[in-house]
């Protein structure tokens, strides 16, 4: 029947939506709880922390490196045996005897060293790596803010989708009450012989259909609240929803803010450019300072000590792999810049579409209110005529179907209006539902 068709359309709006537990829940509470407790966002924050740690590691490349080494050795290899004695400061004339040099006795030693290495110049690679690390950490933080806004958008869809389901249930209850009243009236008329038994059977069939629709709406509400609970990082939401479905009057075009995904794209492009500089630095010379001290013992008091200091230059004049890596880094920098441009164009498109969606949803809602008022008045008139015996029952049921269709349109347009406003906030980079991170 037409009523079932219209109600089914309304029920489809809330499939996959969701809701909180104890106490009333506002949309602000729901968004903030999702930001605080959802495991997906916690994982995103862990990625932010990881990028920050990497950035600190890149910044520390300028710091000196201290290496401590301890060793113990026993050998009769001629060159090592002579070198160990020399480092122990106990070479004597007998050690230059060819027989001793060629076939030394096994010798043991233990000792250690400490070395400090300080990079002085690395072709700009250290500076570029530090900047790239900082940019990537900032980009990940911006991406996390965007993920939070996208989560807020999903919460809006789930929250108000659940409200649509519950309003649909309220209207199904109204329909059931209306049908029961009409059944009582028709049964009395059948007993008086003023109506046919088939009219009462038609109403009973319609009543059974309403019962089936009620069970279906119950399922949709359960699914909706479970889905919202998933977004909030908990089980199904059971408490009442405190924020009304109809939004407060607000201007369609809000002041654009800073979108996290656009900021992240810009920072990623800057990081890629610094990465290209670092790759290019592989073909430039490196200059480093090294300071060290060592000791090698034959016994606790019989030992040799030494120190050293040096400045070295290393220049990899040609390396095919490094040249290929530099080309790849330049290509990545160009790709990141192009991706930034595309995301900016995509954002402009999303803003235009979101504005049009808000205006369309507002127009549909206005039309739906007029349609509902007309359908309810028509149903009242047909019901009155039916009770006077001037209209068949089928006309009354068709009028009820028109009411259900208008109610479905009301719910659909309200849901789309609320979601399209949130979509416009998401596109503009402004806080969804006014909730600040």
Protein backbone atom coordinates (compact mmCIF):
# COMPACT_ATOMS: atom_id res chain seq x y z
CA UNK A 1 0.00 0.00 0.00
CA UNK A 2 1.06 3.64 -0.51
CA UNK A 3 1.49 4.20 3.27
CA UNK A 4 4.04 1.44 3.56
CA UNK A 5 5.98 2.84 0.62
CA UNK A 6 6.19 6.31 2.15
CA UNK A 7 7.17 5.04 5.58
CA UNK A 8 9.86 2.80 4.09
CA UNK A 9 11.42 5.82 2.40
CA UNK A 10 11.57 7.61 5.74
CA UNK A 11 13.10 4.61 7.47
CA UNK A 12 15.89 4.37 4.92
CA UNK A 13 17.12 7.76 6.12
CA UNK A 14 18.30 6.35 9.43
CA UNK A 15 19.91 3.09 8.40
CA UNK A 16 23.43 2.95 9.76
CA UNK A 17 23.02 5.96 12.06
CA UNK A 18 23.61 5.84 15.81
CA UNK A 19 23.28 7.30 19.66
CA UNK A 20 24.77 7.77 23.92
CA UNK A 21 23.90 6.12 27.19
CA UNK A 22 22.75 7.56 30.54
CA UNK A 23 21.07 10.97 30.71
CA UNK A 24 20.12 13.34 27.93
CA UNK A 25 22.67 13.90 25.17
CA UNK A 26 23.09 17.11 23.20
CA UNK A 27 24.84 17.24 19.84
CA UNK A 28 27.65 19.21 21.52
CA UNK A 29 28.09 16.47 24.14
CA UNK A 30 28.11 13.82 21.43
CA UNK A 31 30.78 15.54 19.32
CA UNK A 32 33.04 16.23 22.30
CA UNK A 33 32.67 12.67 23.55
CA UNK A 34 33.61 11.30 20.13
CA UNK A 35 36.71 13.51 20.07
CA UNK A 36 37.67 12.32 23.53
CA UNK A 37 36.88 8.61 23.46
CA UNK A 38 36.83 7.32 19.88
CA UNK A 39 39.64 4.85 19.24
CA UNK A 40 40.08 5.98 15.65
CA UNK A 41 40.89 9.53 16.76
CA UNK A 42 43.14 8.21 19.52
CA UNK A 43 45.10 6.36 16.83
CA UNK A 44 45.30 9.60 14.85
CA UNK A 45 46.67 11.43 17.90
CA UNK A 46 49.29 8.70 18.29
CA UNK A 47 50.38 9.42 14.71
CA UNK A 48 50.70 13.11 15.61
CA UNK A 49 52.89 12.21 18.60
CA UNK A 50 54.98 9.96 16.36
CA UNK A 51 55.57 12.75 13.85
CA UNK A 52 56.54 15.14 16.63
CA UNK A 53 59.08 12.63 17.93
CA UNK A 54 60.50 12.25 14.41
CA UNK A 55 60.75 16.04 14.13
CA UNK A 56 62.72 16.16 17.38
CA UNK A 57 65.06 13.49 16.01
CA UNK A 58 65.69 15.57 12.86
CA UNK A 59 66.36 18.69 14.95
CA UNK A 60 68.91 16.74 16.99
CA UNK A 61 71.00 15.89 13.90
CA UNK A 62 73.03 19.04 14.59
CA UNK A 63 74.07 17.80 18.01
CA UNK A 64 77.38 15.96 18.56
CA UNK A 65 77.45 12.17 18.80
CA UNK A 66 79.31 10.49 21.70
CA UNK A 67 80.37 6.87 21.17
CA UNK A 68 81.84 4.75 23.98
CA UNK A 69 83.52 1.44 23.21
CA UNK A 70 84.96 -1.28 25.46
CA UNK A 71 86.89 -4.30 24.18
CA UNK A 72 88.93 -7.31 25.24
CA UNK A 73 91.12 -9.31 22.89
CA UNK A 74 93.67 -12.16 22.85
CA UNK A 75 95.56 -12.98 19.64
CA UNK A 76 98.85 -14.19 18.15
CA UNK A 77 98.23 -12.63 14.73
CA UNK A 78 101.57 -10.86 14.07
CA UNK A 79 100.35 -7.41 13.08
CA UNK A 80 97.70 -7.26 15.81
CA UNK A 81 100.09 -8.52 18.46
CA UNK A 82 102.68 -5.86 17.59
CA UNK A 83 99.99 -3.14 17.41
CA UNK A 84 98.52 -4.13 20.77
CA UNK A 85 101.93 -3.90 22.45
CA UNK A 86 102.52 -0.54 20.80
CA UNK A 87 99.15 0.77 22.05
CA UNK A 88 99.99 -0.56 25.49
CA UNK A 89 103.26 1.45 25.39
CA UNK A 90 105.47 -1.59 26.10
CA UNK A 91 107.46 -2.16 22.88
CA UNK A 92 111.06 -3.15 23.56
CA UNK A 93 114.10 -4.02 21.43
CA UNK A 94 113.30 -7.73 21.74
CA UNK A 95 110.02 -7.13 19.96
CA UNK A 96 111.89 -6.24 16.75
CA UNK A 97 113.51 -9.66 16.62
CA UNK A 98 112.32 -11.19 13.29
CA UNK A 99 111.44 -14.44 15.01
CA UNK A 100 109.31 -12.60 17.54
CA UNK A 101 107.73 -10.45 14.84
CA UNK A 102 106.91 -13.43 12.65
CA UNK A 103 105.76 -15.79 15.37
CA UNK A 104 104.71 -13.79 18.45
CA UNK A 105 103.35 -15.36 21.58
CA UNK A 106 99.62 -14.88 22.16
CA UNK A 107 98.93 -11.57 23.81
CA UNK A 108 95.86 -10.27 25.65
CA UNK A 109 94.56 -6.76 26.18
CA UNK A 110 91.53 -4.84 27.32
CA UNK A 111 90.61 -1.20 27.02
CA UNK A 112 88.19 1.26 25.53
CA UNK A 113 87.71 4.54 23.74
CA UNK A 114 85.44 7.59 23.65
CA UNK A 115 84.76 9.43 20.42
CA UNK A 116 82.85 12.68 19.83
CA UNK A 117 81.76 13.45 16.27
CA UNK A 118 80.32 16.84 15.34
CA UNK A 119 78.96 17.58 11.84
CA UNK A 120 80.06 21.02 10.65
CA UNK A 121 78.55 21.07 7.17
CA UNK A 122 76.45 18.50 5.32
CA UNK A 123 75.42 20.21 2.12
CA UNK A 124 72.26 21.63 3.69
CA UNK A 125 70.84 18.17 4.40
CA UNK A 126 70.60 18.65 8.16
CA UNK A 127 68.74 21.96 7.88
CA UNK A 128 66.43 20.60 5.18
CA UNK A 129 65.70 17.45 7.18
CA UNK A 130 64.92 19.51 10.28
CA UNK A 131 62.49 21.74 8.36
CA UNK A 132 60.87 18.76 6.62
CA UNK A 133 60.38 17.03 9.96
CA UNK A 134 58.77 20.13 11.47
CA UNK A 135 56.48 20.53 8.46
CA UNK A 136 55.40 16.88 8.55
CA UNK A 137 54.65 17.08 12.28
CA UNK A 138 52.53 20.20 11.72
CA UNK A 139 50.82 18.55 8.73
CA UNK A 140 49.89 15.51 10.81
CA UNK A 141 48.47 17.76 13.52
CA UNK A 142 46.41 19.62 10.89
CA UNK A 143 45.22 16.29 9.46
CA UNK A 144 44.15 15.25 12.95
CA UNK A 145 42.06 18.40 13.29
CA UNK A 146 40.44 17.61 9.95
CA UNK A 147 39.75 14.05 11.11
CA UNK A 148 38.05 15.47 14.19
CA UNK A 149 35.82 17.66 12.04
CA UNK A 150 34.99 14.73 9.77
CA UNK A 151 34.10 12.73 12.88
CA UNK A 152 31.89 15.60 14.04
CA UNK A 153 30.17 15.46 10.65
CA UNK A 154 29.56 11.73 11.07
CA UNK A 155 28.19 12.32 14.57
CA UNK A 156 25.76 14.92 13.20
CA UNK A 157 24.54 12.43 10.60
CA UNK A 158 24.15 9.67 13.19
CA UNK A 159 22.62 11.86 15.92
CA UNK A 160 19.94 13.44 13.76
CA UNK A 161 19.40 10.21 11.85
CA UNK A 162 18.43 8.66 15.16
CA UNK A 163 16.09 11.55 15.88
CA UNK A 164 14.45 10.99 12.49
CA UNK A 165 13.89 7.34 13.42
CA UNK A 166 12.36 8.27 16.76
CA UNK A 167 10.08 10.89 15.20
CA UNK A 168 9.04 8.27 12.66
CA UNK A 169 8.15 5.99 15.59
CA UNK A 170 6.05 8.74 17.17
CA UNK A 171 4.13 9.15 13.94
CA UNK A 172 3.68 5.39 13.58
CA UNK A 173 2.17 5.42 17.08
CA UNK A 174 -0.16 8.23 15.97
CA UNK A 175 -1.18 6.19 12.95
CA UNK A 176 -1.84 3.16 15.13
CA UNK A 177 -4.05 5.23 17.46
CA UNK A 178 -5.90 6.64 14.47
CA UNK A 179 -6.42 3.18 12.97
CA UNK A 180 -7.74 1.79 16.26
CA UNK A 181 -10.28 4.60 16.48
CA UNK A 182 -11.41 4.04 12.91
CA UNK A 183 -11.63 0.28 13.54
CA UNK A 184 -13.92 0.83 16.52
CA UNK A 185 -16.14 3.14 14.49
CA UNK A 186 -16.28 0.72 11.52
CA UNK A 187 -16.96 -2.31 13.73
CA UNK A 188 -19.92 -0.49 15.28
CA UNK A 189 -21.29 0.42 11.86
CA UNK A 190 -20.84 -3.18 10.65
CA UNK A 191 -22.86 -4.42 13.61
CA UNK A 192 -25.56 -1.89 12.71
CA UNK A 193 -25.52 -3.14 9.14
CA UNK A 194 -24.45 0.27 7.83
CA UNK A 195 -21.08 -0.90 6.52
CA UNK A 196 -19.79 -4.04 4.86
CA UNK A 197 -17.64 -6.57 6.75
CA UNK A 198 -15.01 -6.14 4.03
CA UNK A 199 -14.40 -2.57 5.24
CA UNK A 200 -13.52 -3.84 8.71
CA UNK A 201 -11.26 -6.54 7.27
CA UNK A 202 -9.49 -3.90 5.17
CA UNK A 203 -8.82 -1.86 8.30
CA UNK A 204 -7.55 -4.92 10.18
CA UNK A 205 -5.14 -5.62 7.33
CA UNK A 206 -4.00 -1.99 7.43
CA UNK A 207 -3.55 -2.27 11.22
CA UNK A 208 -1.35 -5.36 10.79
CA UNK A 209 0.71 -3.43 8.28
CA UNK A 210 1.20 -0.62 10.80
CA UNK A 211 2.35 -3.17 13.40
CA UNK A 212 4.93 -4.49 10.95
CA UNK A 213 6.12 -0.95 10.24
CA UNK A 214 6.45 -0.32 13.95
CA UNK A 215 8.71 -3.36 14.35
CA UNK A 216 10.80 -2.12 11.43
CA UNK A 217 11.16 1.34 12.97
CA UNK A 218 12.19 -0.24 16.26
CA UNK A 219 14.95 -2.06 14.41
CA UNK A 220 16.06 1.19 12.76
CA UNK A 221 16.18 2.99 16.12
CA UNK A 222 18.26 0.18 17.63
CA UNK A 223 20.65 0.26 14.68
CA UNK A 224 20.87 4.04 14.82
CA UNK A 225 21.70 4.19 18.52
CA UNK A 226 24.26 1.41 18.16
CA UNK A 227 25.92 3.27 15.27
CA UNK A 228 26.14 6.50 17.23
CA UNK A 229 27.58 4.62 20.19
CA UNK A 230 30.30 3.31 17.89
CA UNK A 231 31.18 6.86 16.86
CA UNK A 232 31.28 7.93 20.51
CA UNK A 233 33.59 5.06 21.47
CA UNK A 234 31.07 3.15 23.57
CA UNK A 235 28.09 0.79 23.39
CA UNK A 236 24.63 1.71 22.08
CA UNK A 237 23.28 5.05 23.31
CA UNK A 238 20.14 4.72 25.43
CA UNK A 239 19.40 8.19 26.82
CA UNK A 240 17.16 10.87 25.27
CA UNK A 241 18.50 13.24 22.62
CA UNK A 242 18.23 16.85 23.75
CA UNK A 243 19.05 18.82 20.58
CA UNK A 244 16.01 19.40 18.36
CA UNK A 245 16.08 18.17 14.78
CA UNK A 246 15.07 21.52 13.31
CA UNK A 247 18.10 23.87 13.22
CA UNK A 248 18.00 27.42 14.48
CA UNK A 249 17.86 30.10 11.82
CA UNK A 250 21.35 30.94 10.58
CA UNK A 251 22.88 32.56 7.49
CA UNK A 252 23.68 30.07 4.74
CA UNK A 253 27.20 31.30 4.02
CA UNK A 254 29.42 31.31 7.07
CA UNK A 255 32.82 33.00 7.24
CA UNK A 256 35.39 30.56 5.85
CA UNK A 257 37.90 29.25 8.36
CA UNK A 258 41.11 27.28 7.98
CA UNK A 259 40.53 23.73 6.73
CA UNK A 260 42.86 21.20 8.28
CA UNK A 261 43.23 19.19 5.08
CA UNK A 262 44.26 22.29 3.08
CA UNK A 263 46.73 23.32 5.77
CA UNK A 264 48.10 19.77 5.82
CA UNK A 265 48.46 19.74 2.02
CA UNK A 266 50.39 23.03 2.13
CA UNK A 267 52.70 21.76 4.87
CA UNK A 268 53.22 18.46 3.06
CA UNK A 269 54.23 20.38 -0.07
CA UNK A 270 56.74 22.39 1.96
CA UNK A 271 58.08 19.20 3.55
CA UNK A 272 58.48 17.60 0.10
CA UNK A 273 60.38 20.69 -1.13
CA UNK A 274 62.75 20.42 1.84
CA UNK A 275 63.12 16.71 1.12
CA UNK A 276 64.24 17.58 -2.40
CA UNK A 277 66.84 19.98 -0.96
CA UNK A 278 68.11 17.24 1.36
CA UNK A 279 68.40 14.80 -1.55
CA UNK A 280 70.26 17.40 -3.58
CA UNK A 281 72.68 17.84 -0.68
CA UNK A 282 73.92 14.27 -1.12
CA UNK A 283 76.06 15.51 -4.04
CA UNK A 284 77.74 18.20 -1.89
CA UNK A 285 80.76 17.73 0.39
CA UNK A 286 80.48 16.95 4.10
CA UNK A 287 82.72 18.46 6.77
CA UNK A 288 83.00 16.95 10.25
CA UNK A 289 85.02 17.23 13.46
CA UNK A 290 86.12 14.20 15.47
CA UNK A 291 87.65 14.13 18.95
CA UNK A 292 88.67 10.93 20.70
CA UNK A 293 90.59 9.27 23.52
CA UNK A 294 91.53 5.64 23.99
CA UNK A 295 93.34 3.29 26.34
CA UNK A 296 94.60 -0.31 26.09
CA UNK A 297 95.73 -2.27 29.17
CA UNK A 298 98.06 -5.22 29.65
CA UNK A 299 97.37 -4.96 33.36
CA UNK A 300 95.73 -2.31 35.49
CA UNK A 301 98.95 -0.28 35.74
CA UNK A 302 100.61 -1.41 32.52
CA UNK A 303 98.72 0.46 29.79
CA UNK A 304 98.89 2.95 26.98
CA UNK A 305 96.70 6.06 26.50
CA UNK A 306 96.23 8.27 23.46
CA UNK A 307 94.01 11.06 22.09
CA UNK A 308 93.23 12.45 18.68
CA UNK A 309 91.45 15.36 17.00
CA UNK A 310 90.70 15.82 13.35
CA UNK A 311 88.64 17.64 10.77
CA UNK A 312 87.65 15.66 7.71
CA UNK A 313 86.01 16.34 4.38
CA UNK A 314 84.07 13.71 2.44
CA UNK A 315 82.71 14.35 -1.03
CA UNK A 316 80.78 11.78 -2.98
CA UNK A 317 81.55 13.27 -6.38
CA UNK A 318 79.31 10.90 -8.37
CA UNK A 319 76.65 8.41 -7.30
CA UNK A 320 74.01 7.18 -9.71
CA UNK A 321 71.64 6.08 -6.90
CA UNK A 322 71.90 9.51 -5.23
CA UNK A 323 71.13 11.26 -8.52
CA UNK A 324 68.08 9.04 -9.00
CA UNK A 325 66.94 9.75 -5.44
CA UNK A 326 67.29 13.49 -6.05
CA UNK A 327 65.14 13.21 -9.19
CA UNK A 328 62.54 11.20 -7.25
CA UNK A 329 62.50 13.80 -4.47
CA UNK A 330 61.94 16.61 -7.00
CA UNK A 331 59.07 14.66 -8.54
CA UNK A 332 57.54 14.12 -5.10
CA UNK A 333 57.78 17.85 -4.40
CA UNK A 334 55.98 18.63 -7.67
CA UNK A 335 53.33 16.01 -6.91
CA UNK A 336 52.75 17.47 -3.45
CA UNK A 337 52.37 20.96 -4.90
CA UNK A 338 49.90 19.71 -7.53
CA UNK A 339 47.96 17.84 -4.84
CA UNK A 340 47.74 21.04 -2.81
CA UNK A 341 46.31 22.87 -5.84
CA UNK A 342 43.80 20.09 -6.46
CA UNK A 343 42.65 20.08 -2.84
CA UNK A 344 42.11 23.84 -2.98
CA UNK A 345 39.99 23.42 -6.11
CA UNK A 346 38.12 20.55 -4.51
CA UNK A 347 37.42 22.66 -1.42
CA UNK A 348 36.00 25.48 -3.55
CA UNK A 349 33.73 22.94 -5.29
CA UNK A 350 32.58 21.49 -1.96
CA UNK A 351 31.68 24.95 -0.67
CA UNK A 352 29.59 25.72 -3.75
CA UNK A 353 27.77 22.38 -3.57
CA UNK A 354 27.19 22.69 0.19
CA UNK A 355 25.65 26.16 -0.18
CA UNK A 356 23.29 24.93 -2.90
CA UNK A 357 22.39 21.89 -0.77
CA UNK A 358 21.43 24.08 2.18
CA UNK A 359 19.19 26.27 0.03
CA UNK A 360 17.58 23.23 -1.63
CA UNK A 361 16.96 21.52 1.70
CA UNK A 362 15.43 24.69 3.13
CA UNK A 363 13.10 24.96 0.14
CA UNK A 364 12.08 21.29 0.45
CA UNK A 365 11.36 21.75 4.15
CA UNK A 366 9.15 24.77 3.50
CA UNK A 367 7.25 22.84 0.83
CA UNK A 368 6.94 19.81 3.07
CA UNK A 369 5.33 21.84 5.86
CA UNK A 370 2.73 23.15 3.43
CA UNK A 371 2.15 19.67 2.02
CA UNK A 372 1.69 18.19 5.49
CA UNK A 373 -0.86 20.81 6.49
CA UNK A 374 -2.81 20.21 3.29
CA UNK A 375 -2.64 16.39 3.64
CA UNK A 376 -3.84 16.46 7.24
CA UNK A 377 -6.77 18.70 6.32
CA UNK A 378 -7.64 16.44 3.39
CA UNK A 379 -7.56 13.38 5.63
CA UNK A 380 -9.83 15.10 8.14
CA UNK A 381 -12.37 15.90 5.42
CA UNK A 382 -12.32 12.42 3.89
CA UNK A 383 -12.64 10.82 7.31
CA UNK A 384 -15.62 13.03 8.12
CA UNK A 385 -17.28 12.18 4.80
CA UNK A 386 -16.60 8.49 5.36
CA UNK A 387 -18.28 8.59 8.75
CA UNK A 388 -21.28 10.21 7.12
CA UNK A 389 -21.35 7.42 4.55
CA UNK A 390 -20.43 9.78 1.72
CA UNK A 391 -16.96 8.37 0.88
CA UNK A 392 -15.49 4.87 0.68
CA UNK A 393 -12.83 3.70 3.11
CA UNK A 394 -10.23 3.50 0.34
CA UNK A 395 -10.35 7.28 -0.04
CA UNK A 396 -9.68 7.69 3.68
CA UNK A 397 -6.71 5.33 3.52
CA UNK A 398 -5.34 7.14 0.47
CA UNK A 399 -5.62 10.41 2.41
CA UNK A 400 -3.69 8.78 5.28
CA UNK A 401 -1.06 7.67 2.78
CA UNK A 402 -0.72 11.28 1.64
CA UNK A 403 -0.21 12.35 5.28
CA UNK A 404 2.48 9.70 5.73
CA UNK A 405 4.18 10.84 2.54
CA UNK A 406 4.18 14.45 3.72
CA UNK A 407 5.58 13.38 7.10
CA UNK A 408 8.32 11.42 5.37
CA UNK A 409 9.18 14.49 3.29
CA UNK A 410 9.28 16.61 6.47
CA UNK A 411 11.72 14.21 8.11
CA UNK A 412 13.83 13.86 5.00
CA UNK A 413 14.06 17.60 4.40
CA UNK A 414 14.84 18.35 8.06
CA UNK A 415 17.55 15.71 8.13
CA UNK A 416 19.05 16.99 4.87
CA UNK A 417 18.87 20.58 6.14
CA UNK A 418 20.73 19.73 9.33
CA UNK A 419 23.34 17.61 7.56
CA UNK A 420 23.81 20.09 4.70
CA UNK A 421 24.50 22.88 7.22
CA UNK A 422 27.12 20.67 8.84
CA UNK A 423 28.54 19.90 5.38
CA UNK A 424 28.84 23.63 4.70
CA UNK A 425 30.70 24.11 7.99
CA UNK A 426 32.99 21.21 7.07
CA UNK A 427 33.63 22.67 3.62
CA UNK A 428 34.27 26.16 5.03
CA UNK A 429 36.53 24.88 7.80
CA UNK A 430 34.31 26.37 10.50
CA UNK A 431 33.31 24.48 13.70
CA UNK A 432 30.49 22.04 13.02
CA UNK A 433 27.44 22.84 15.17
CA UNK A 434 29.64 25.56 16.69
CA UNK A 435 31.64 22.99 18.69
CA UNK A 436 35.28 23.95 19.10
CA UNK A 437 38.01 21.26 19.21
